[in-house]
C-alpha atoms as a PDB file:
ATOM      1  CA  MET A   1      96.400 112.457 147.186  1.00  0.00           C
ATOM      2  CA  ALA A   2      94.469 109.181 146.201  1.00  0.00           C
ATOM      3  CA  LYS A   3      93.153 108.822 142.627  1.00  0.00           C
ATOM      4  CA  ARG A   4      89.351 108.359 142.363  1.00  0.00           C
ATOM      5  CA  THR A   5      88.277 105.033 140.071  1.00  0.00           C
ATOM      6  CA  VAL A   6      86.014 105.729 137.116  1.00  0.00           C
ATOM      7  CA  ASN A   7      82.584 104.385 137.457  1.00  0.00           C
ATOM      8  CA  ARG A   8      82.141 103.310 133.710  1.00  0.00           C
ATOM      9  CA  ARG A   9      77.996 102.305 134.751  1.00  0.00           C
ATOM     10  CA  GLU A  10      77.532 105.373 135.800  1.00  0.00           C
ATOM     11  CA  LEU A  11      79.752 107.744 133.480  1.00  0.00           C
ATOM     12  CA  ARG A  12      77.517 105.222 130.416  1.00  0.00           C
ATOM     13  CA  GLU A  13      73.868 106.530 132.563  1.00  0.00           C
ATOM     14  CA  GLN A  14      74.987 110.110 132.217  1.00  0.00           C
ATOM     15  CA  SER A  15      75.606 110.315 128.668  1.00  0.00           C
ATOM     16  CA  GLU A  16      72.768 108.486 127.880  1.00  0.00           C
ATOM     17  CA  ALA A  17      70.444 110.509 130.001  1.00  0.00           C
ATOM     18  CA  ALA A  18      72.237 113.664 128.420  1.00  0.00           C
ATOM     19  CA  GLU A  19      71.262 112.381 124.458  1.00  0.00           C
ATOM     20  CA  LYS A  20      67.711 111.937 125.626  1.00  0.00           C
ATOM     21  CA  LEU A  21      67.474 115.700 126.742  1.00  0.00           C
ATOM     22  CA  GLY A  22      69.565 117.007 124.884  1.00  0.00           C
ATOM     23  CA  GLY A  23      68.510 115.726 121.213  1.00  0.00           C
ATOM     24  CA  ALA A  24      67.324 119.072 119.824  1.00  0.00           C
ATOM     25  CA  ALA A  25      70.400 120.961 121.715  1.00  0.00           C
ATOM     26  CA  GLY A  26      72.646 118.408 119.990  1.00  0.00           C
ATOM     27  CA  GLU A  27      71.639 118.934 116.409  1.00  0.00           C
ATOM     28  CA  ALA A  28      71.748 122.713 116.804  1.00  0.00           C
ATOM     29  CA  GLY A  29      75.404 122.048 117.771  1.00  0.00           C
ATOM     30  CA  ASP A  30      75.801 119.916 115.341  1.00  0.00           C
ATOM     31  CA  LYS A  31      75.180 122.910 112.508  1.00  0.00           C
ATOM     32  CA  LYS A  32      77.682 125.247 114.047  1.00  0.00           C
ATOM     33  CA  LYS A  33      80.109 122.161 113.539  1.00  0.00           C
ATOM     34  CA  ALA A  34      79.087 120.830 110.102  1.00  0.00           C
ATOM     35  CA  LYS A  35      81.738 121.906 107.718  1.00  0.00           C
ATOM     36  CA  GLU A  36      82.063 119.667 105.153  1.00  0.00           C
ATOM     37  CA  PRO A  37      85.377 118.677 105.161  1.00  0.00           C
ATOM     38  CA  LYS A  38      87.685 119.452 101.704  1.00  0.00           C
ATOM     39  CA  LYS A  39      88.030 116.352  99.138  1.00  0.00           C
ATOM     40  CA  LYS A  40      90.685 115.283  98.025  1.00  0.00           C
ATOM     41  CA  PRO A  41      91.862 115.458  94.604  1.00  0.00           C
ATOM     42  CA  ALA A  42      91.282 112.567  92.236  1.00  0.00           C
ATOM     43  CA  ALA A  43      94.993 110.138  91.862  1.00  0.00           C
ATOM     44  CA  LYS A  44      96.727 110.908  88.808  1.00  0.00           C
ATOM     45  CA  ALA A  45      97.364 107.593  86.934  1.00  0.00           C
ATOM     46  CA  LYS A  46     100.702 106.835  87.126  1.00  0.00           C
ATOM     47  CA  ARG A  47     102.201 105.966  83.670  1.00  0.00           C
ATOM     48  CA  SER A  48     104.897 103.054  84.251  1.00  0.00           C
ATOM     49  CA  LYS A  49     107.691 102.672  81.656  1.00  0.00           C
ATOM     50  CA  THR A  50     107.318  99.812  79.865  1.00  0.00           C
ATOM     51  CA  LYS A  51     110.398  97.387  80.124  1.00  0.00           C
ATOM     52  CA  VAL A  52     112.353  96.937  77.192  1.00  0.00           C
ATOM     53  CA  ILE A  53     113.524  93.571  76.563  1.00  0.00           C
ATOM     54  CA  VAL A  54     117.685  94.030  75.125  1.00  0.00           C
ATOM     55  CA  ARG A  55     118.811  90.374  73.915  1.00  0.00           C
ATOM     56  CA  LYS A  56     121.783  89.627  74.942  1.00  0.00           C
ATOM     57  CA  ARG A  57     124.720  87.108  73.924  1.00  0.00           C
ATOM     58  CA  LEU A  58     127.127  85.665  76.192  1.00  0.00           C
ATOM     59  CA  LEU A  59     130.829  85.705  75.039  1.00  0.00           C
ATOM     60  CA  TRP A  60     134.121  84.785  76.773  1.00  0.00           C
ATOM     61  CA  GLY A  61     137.090  87.889  77.498  1.00  0.00           C
ATOM     62  CA  VAL A  62     140.564  86.963  78.008  1.00  0.00           C
ATOM     63  CA  TYR A  63     141.990  89.676  80.177  1.00  0.00           C
ATOM     64  CA  SER A  64     145.097  90.621  81.401  1.00  0.00           C
ATOM     65  CA  SER A  65     145.583  91.833  85.233  1.00  0.00           C
ATOM     66  CA  SER A  66     145.180  95.425  84.256  1.00  0.00           C
ATOM     67  CA  MET A  67     142.071  94.993  82.738  1.00  0.00           C
ATOM     68  CA  LYS A  68     143.245  94.885  79.070  1.00  0.00           C
ATOM     69  CA  GLU A  69     140.973  92.777  76.705  1.00  0.00           C
ATOM     70  CA  GLU A  70     143.409  89.896  74.943  1.00  0.00           C
ATOM     71  CA  GLY A  71     140.798  88.431  72.984  1.00  0.00           C
ATOM     72  CA  ARG A  72     137.294  87.072  72.704  1.00  0.00           C
ATOM     73  CA  PHE A  73     135.375  83.830  72.048  1.00  0.00           C
ATOM     74  CA  ALA A  74     132.055  82.232  71.649  1.00  0.00           C
ATOM     75  CA  TYR A  75     130.060  80.549  74.525  1.00  0.00           C
ATOM     76  CA  ALA A  76     130.724  77.514  73.272  1.00  0.00           C
ATOM     77  CA  GLU A  77     134.476  77.931  72.932  1.00  0.00           C
ATOM     78  CA  ARG A  78     135.197  78.135  76.726  1.00  0.00           C
ATOM     79  CA  ASP A  79     138.297  75.594  76.400  1.00  0.00           C
ATOM     80  CA  ALA A  80     139.793  77.975  73.743  1.00  0.00           C
ATOM     81  CA  ALA A  81     139.514  80.809  75.936  1.00  0.00           C
ATOM     82  CA  ASP A  82     141.271  79.290  79.288  1.00  0.00           C
ATOM     83  CA  GLU A  83     143.791  77.954  76.597  1.00  0.00           C
ATOM     84  CA  ARG A  84     145.061  81.308  75.127  1.00  0.00           C
ATOM     85  CA  ALA A  85     145.137  82.808  78.682  1.00  0.00           C
ATOM     86  CA  ALA A  86     147.214  79.992  79.864  1.00  0.00           C
ATOM     87  CA  MET A  87     149.896  80.610  76.983  1.00  0.00           C
ATOM     88  CA  LEU A  88     149.461  84.029  77.534  1.00  0.00           C
ATOM     89  CA  THR A  89     150.368  83.547  81.091  1.00  0.00           C
ATOM     90  CA  GLU A  90     153.278  81.010  80.054  1.00  0.00           C
ATOM     91  CA  LYS A  91     155.012  83.679  77.695  1.00  0.00           C
ATOM     92  CA  HIS A  92     154.479  87.350  79.469  1.00  0.00           C
ATOM     93  CA  LYS A  93     154.620  85.976  83.207  1.00  0.00           C
ATOM     94  CA  ARG A  94     151.526  88.270  84.062  1.00  0.00           C
ATOM     95  CA  THR A  95     148.064  86.704  85.281  1.00  0.00           C
ATOM     96  CA  TYR A  96     145.304  86.647  82.618  1.00  0.00           C
ATOM     97  CA  PHE A  97     141.778  84.975  83.205  1.00  0.00           C
ATOM     98  CA  VAL A  98     139.250  84.356  81.598  1.00  0.00           C
ATOM     99  CA  GLN A  99     135.802  86.217  82.391  1.00  0.00           C
ATOM    100  CA  PRO A 100     132.311  86.293  80.168  1.00  0.00           C
ATOM    101  CA  ILE A 101     131.052  89.166  78.425  1.00  0.00           C
ATOM    102  CA  LYS A 102     127.215  90.169  77.605  1.00  0.00           C
ATOM    103  CA  GLU A 103     127.185  91.639  74.673  1.00  0.00           C
ATOM    104  CA  PRO A 104     123.536  93.378  73.213  1.00  0.00           C
ATOM    105  CA  ILE A 105     122.482  91.736  70.364  1.00  0.00           C
ATOM    106  CA  ALA A 106     120.905  94.080  67.254  1.00  0.00           C
ATOM    107  CA  ASP A 107     117.134  93.369  66.399  1.00  0.00           C
ATOM    108  CA  LYS A 108     118.044  93.846  63.217  1.00  0.00           C
ATOM    109  CA  PRO A 109     121.314  92.546  61.192  1.00  0.00           C
ATOM    110  CA  VAL A 110     122.987  95.535  59.397  1.00  0.00           C
ATOM    111  CA  GLU A 111     123.271  94.192  55.646  1.00  0.00           C
ATOM    112  CA  ALA A 112     126.438  94.818  53.821  1.00  0.00           C
ATOM    113  CA  ALA A 113     126.820  96.809  50.611  1.00  0.00           C
ATOM    114  CA  SER A 114     128.036  95.513  47.346  1.00  0.00           C
END
C-alpha cells in the first residue's frame, strides 16, 4: 500500500480556518483544561563547609623495606637522610630508602611549663 504524502499548505489552511471558526469554542475547551500547574517549592540554599587549610611541613623519613621508620630529618637535610639510609643498608644488608613525610603544624605552639 502506498503512503499518502502530507501537504503542509493544506494542513496550515485547515488549522487557520478552524481557528477563525472555533475561536469561541476553543476558549471554552481551554477553561476545562486550564488547571494551574503546581509550583515547585523554592530550592533551599545549600550550605557548603568552609575548607580548613591545615599548614604542613615536609620532613624526610628513612624507612626500612618493612616500612618501619628509622629516622626523620628536616627538609633542608636531605643529604643527611640519604647518608643514614646508605649506612643502614651497608650495616644490616636490607633495603632502606628516603621518603617525604607531610606533618601538620600546630597553629599555636604549646609553651613548656617551668
